[in-house]
Amino acid sequence: MTEKKKTGGKSTGRASVVNDHRDSAQTLGRLGVLARSVEQGPGVVVITDTAGKIEYVNPKFTAVTGYPPEEAIGKHASGFDERSSEDHQELGETLASGRDWRGELRNKRKNGEVYWLSASITPIRSSNGIITHYLGVGEDITERKRRRRRSGSQKKSTATWWRTSTTSSMRSTRAGA
């Protein structure tokens, strides 16, 4: 609290400033929850600038790719996937137009092993509506794709066996009749 005085020394009134920190404490609390959610969440999270340079990766990114943050941050996101230049161009045009992109990405881990992500990439806008960053969120679907491929191979083998055995059976029945 401060007191205002006139030149003659008489008090003219008092002014006080009260800061209510409850709102800022709540905001900080929400930001903390948001940060922990991204850090501890089940999905790969990557944030890039508008040129595609990586600014942030969460721990799940490192767990899936094998690349620690210091080896990913500052690199171009396209360096981590195996898309053709046409696919990169299509993805870039989609995002630059302000639309979300969804699809599957074929990538390589640091150890050279191929992995697949089901990914969504979304433009992040400033309060003025200008795109400032891109948020990529992905799920490692490598095992799911392997199971499907194995299941598909087994179905083909079973179908081939079935066709072969029924054809042989029909031939032997006709020959014996």
Protein backbone atom coordinates (compact mmCIF):
# COMPACT_ATOMS: atom_id res chain seq x y z
CA MET A 1 0.00 0.00 0.00
CA THR A 2 1.31 3.46 -0.82
CA GLU A 3 0.23 6.82 0.47
CA LYS A 4 -0.02 9.91 -1.71
CA LYS A 5 0.93 13.24 -0.18
CA LYS A 6 0.56 16.81 -1.28
CA THR A 7 3.40 19.23 -1.20
CA GLY A 8 2.16 20.52 2.15
CA GLY A 9 2.56 17.07 3.67
CA LYS A 10 -1.14 16.31 4.02
CA SER A 11 -2.39 12.93 2.90
CA THR A 12 -4.59 12.96 -0.19
CA GLY A 13 -5.51 9.29 -0.17
CA ARG A 14 -4.17 5.81 -0.37
CA ALA A 15 -3.76 3.42 -3.22
CA SER A 16 -3.09 -0.25 -3.02
CA VAL A 17 -2.41 -2.91 -5.58
CA VAL A 18 -3.57 -6.43 -4.94
CA ASN A 19 -2.44 -9.21 -7.22
CA ASP A 20 -4.67 -12.23 -7.35
CA HIS A 21 -2.31 -15.06 -8.21
CA ARG A 22 -5.02 -17.73 -8.21
CA ASP A 23 -5.66 -17.41 -11.96
CA SER A 24 -1.99 -17.62 -12.85
CA ALA A 25 -1.52 -20.55 -10.46
CA GLN A 26 -4.42 -22.38 -12.13
CA THR A 27 -2.98 -21.61 -15.57
CA LEU A 28 0.44 -22.91 -14.51
CA GLY A 29 -1.21 -26.01 -13.07
CA ARG A 30 -3.01 -26.68 -16.36
CA LEU A 31 0.19 -26.12 -18.32
CA GLY A 32 1.97 -28.59 -16.06
CA VAL A 33 -0.69 -31.23 -16.67
CA LEU A 34 -0.51 -30.58 -20.41
CA ALA A 35 3.29 -30.91 -20.43
CA ARG A 36 3.20 -34.14 -18.41
CA SER A 37 0.49 -35.54 -20.70
CA VAL A 38 2.66 -34.99 -23.76
CA GLU A 39 5.77 -36.31 -22.01
CA GLN A 40 4.09 -39.39 -20.56
CA GLY A 41 1.47 -40.10 -23.23
CA PRO A 42 1.33 -43.30 -25.26
CA GLY A 43 1.94 -41.67 -28.65
CA VAL A 44 4.94 -40.30 -30.49
CA VAL A 45 4.82 -36.47 -30.45
CA VAL A 46 6.90 -34.25 -32.73
CA ILE A 47 6.63 -30.47 -33.07
CA THR A 48 8.27 -28.74 -36.04
CA ASP A 49 8.53 -25.19 -37.28
CA THR A 50 6.84 -24.30 -40.58
CA ALA A 51 9.94 -25.35 -42.52
CA GLY A 52 9.74 -28.86 -41.02
CA LYS A 53 12.68 -28.51 -38.62
CA ILE A 54 12.09 -30.48 -35.43
CA GLU A 55 11.79 -28.34 -32.29
CA TYR A 56 10.48 -30.94 -29.84
CA VAL A 57 10.18 -34.72 -29.48
CA ASN A 58 8.68 -36.57 -26.54
CA PRO A 59 10.21 -39.63 -24.83
CA LYS A 60 7.98 -42.00 -26.84
CA PHE A 61 9.67 -40.69 -30.02
CA THR A 62 13.01 -41.80 -28.59
CA ALA A 63 11.59 -45.16 -27.48
CA VAL A 64 10.18 -45.88 -30.96
CA THR A 65 12.93 -44.42 -33.16
CA GLY A 66 16.04 -44.86 -31.04
CA TYR A 67 16.97 -41.20 -31.64
CA PRO A 68 17.50 -39.10 -28.49
CA PRO A 69 16.19 -35.51 -28.58
CA GLU A 70 19.64 -34.03 -29.18
CA GLU A 71 19.96 -36.06 -32.41
CA ALA A 72 16.48 -35.14 -33.67
CA ILE A 73 15.99 -31.50 -32.69
CA GLY A 74 17.16 -29.18 -35.43
CA LYS A 75 16.92 -31.88 -38.11
CA HIS A 76 14.26 -31.86 -40.84
CA ALA A 77 11.37 -34.23 -40.09
CA SER A 78 11.53 -35.70 -43.59
CA GLY A 79 14.95 -37.13 -42.75
CA PHE A 80 13.25 -39.69 -40.52
CA ASP A 81 10.83 -41.19 -43.04
CA GLU A 82 11.15 -42.98 -46.35
CA ARG A 83 8.47 -41.25 -48.37
CA SER A 84 9.07 -40.35 -51.99
CA SER A 85 9.63 -36.71 -52.92
CA GLU A 86 6.11 -36.66 -54.45
CA ASP A 87 4.65 -37.88 -51.16
CA HIS A 88 6.64 -35.25 -49.25
CA GLN A 89 5.35 -32.58 -51.61
CA GLU A 90 1.73 -33.74 -51.19
CA LEU A 91 2.08 -33.78 -47.40
CA GLY A 92 3.68 -30.31 -47.42
CA GLU A 93 0.97 -28.85 -49.66
CA THR A 94 -1.77 -30.31 -47.46
CA LEU A 95 -0.27 -28.78 -44.32
CA ALA A 96 0.60 -25.43 -45.94
CA SER A 97 -3.04 -25.12 -47.02
CA GLY A 98 -4.02 -25.36 -43.35
CA ARG A 99 -5.48 -28.86 -43.51
CA ASP A 100 -4.64 -31.85 -41.34
CA TRP A 101 -2.80 -34.82 -42.84
CA ARG A 102 -3.47 -38.41 -41.79
CA GLY A 103 -1.82 -41.55 -43.02
CA GLU A 104 0.85 -44.15 -42.52
CA LEU A 105 4.56 -43.36 -42.52
CA ARG A 106 7.27 -45.90 -43.27
CA ASN A 107 10.36 -44.90 -41.31
CA LYS A 108 13.71 -46.28 -40.22
CA ARG A 109 14.86 -46.56 -36.63
CA LYS A 110 18.34 -45.45 -35.70
CA ASN A 111 19.44 -49.11 -35.91
CA GLY A 112 18.18 -49.30 -39.53
CA GLU A 113 15.08 -51.37 -38.78
CA VAL A 114 11.93 -50.32 -40.64
CA TYR A 115 8.89 -49.32 -38.59
CA TRP A 116 5.44 -47.94 -39.40
CA LEU A 117 3.53 -45.08 -37.79
CA SER A 118 -0.13 -44.29 -38.09
CA ALA A 119 0.20 -40.51 -37.95
CA SER A 120 -1.76 -37.28 -37.84
CA ILE A 121 -0.07 -33.96 -38.53
CA THR A 122 -1.89 -30.75 -37.69
CA PRO A 123 -1.02 -27.09 -38.31
CA ILE A 124 -0.71 -25.05 -35.09
CA ARG A 125 -1.89 -21.45 -35.46
CA SER A 126 -1.12 -18.23 -33.63
CA SER A 127 -3.93 -16.14 -32.16
CA ASN A 128 -3.95 -14.33 -35.52
CA GLY A 129 -4.58 -17.56 -37.41
CA ILE A 130 -1.07 -17.78 -38.87
CA ILE A 131 0.49 -21.25 -39.00
CA THR A 132 3.53 -21.20 -36.70
CA HIS A 133 4.23 -24.90 -36.13
CA TYR A 134 3.11 -28.41 -36.98
CA LEU A 135 2.16 -31.05 -34.45
CA GLY A 136 2.70 -34.67 -35.40
CA VAL A 137 1.22 -37.46 -33.30
CA GLY A 138 1.77 -41.09 -34.15
CA GLU A 139 1.28 -44.66 -33.04
CA ASP A 140 3.76 -47.42 -33.84
CA ILE A 141 1.77 -49.95 -35.90
CA THR A 142 4.71 -52.12 -36.98
CA GLU A 143 3.57 -55.23 -35.10
CA ARG A 144 -0.01 -54.86 -36.33
CA LYS A 145 1.22 -54.72 -39.94
CA ARG A 146 3.46 -57.78 -39.37
CA ARG A 147 0.54 -59.77 -37.91
CA ARG A 148 -1.66 -58.83 -40.87
CA ARG A 149 1.04 -59.81 -43.33
CA ARG A 150 1.58 -63.17 -41.56
CA SER A 151 -2.17 -63.73 -41.40
CA GLY A 152 -2.46 -62.91 -45.10
CA SER A 153 0.36 -65.33 -45.94
CA GLN A 154 -1.28 -68.07 -43.87
CA LYS A 155 -4.62 -67.50 -45.60
CA LYS A 156 -2.94 -67.73 -49.02
CA SER A 157 -1.14 -70.93 -47.98
CA THR A 158 -4.38 -72.43 -46.68
CA ALA A 159 -6.23 -71.45 -49.85
CA THR A 160 -3.48 -72.94 -52.03
CA TRP A 161 -3.45 -76.13 -49.98
CA TRP A 162 -7.25 -76.35 -50.17
CA ARG A 163 -7.31 -75.85 -53.96
CA THR A 164 -4.50 -78.35 -54.46
CA SER A 165 -5.99 -81.01 -52.19
CA THR A 166 -9.52 -80.71 -53.58
CA THR A 167 -8.24 -80.81 -57.18
CA SER A 168 -6.14 -83.93 -56.43
CA SER A 169 -9.08 -85.51 -54.67
CA MET A 170 -11.38 -84.84 -57.62
CA ARG A 171 -8.85 -86.32 -60.06
CA SER A 172 -8.42 -89.52 -58.05
CA THR A 173 -12.18 -89.92 -57.70
CA ARG A 174 -12.70 -89.59 -61.44
CA ALA A 175 -9.86 -91.95 -62.26
CA GLY A 176 -11.20 -94.61 -59.93
CA ALA A 177 -14.77 -94.36 -61.17
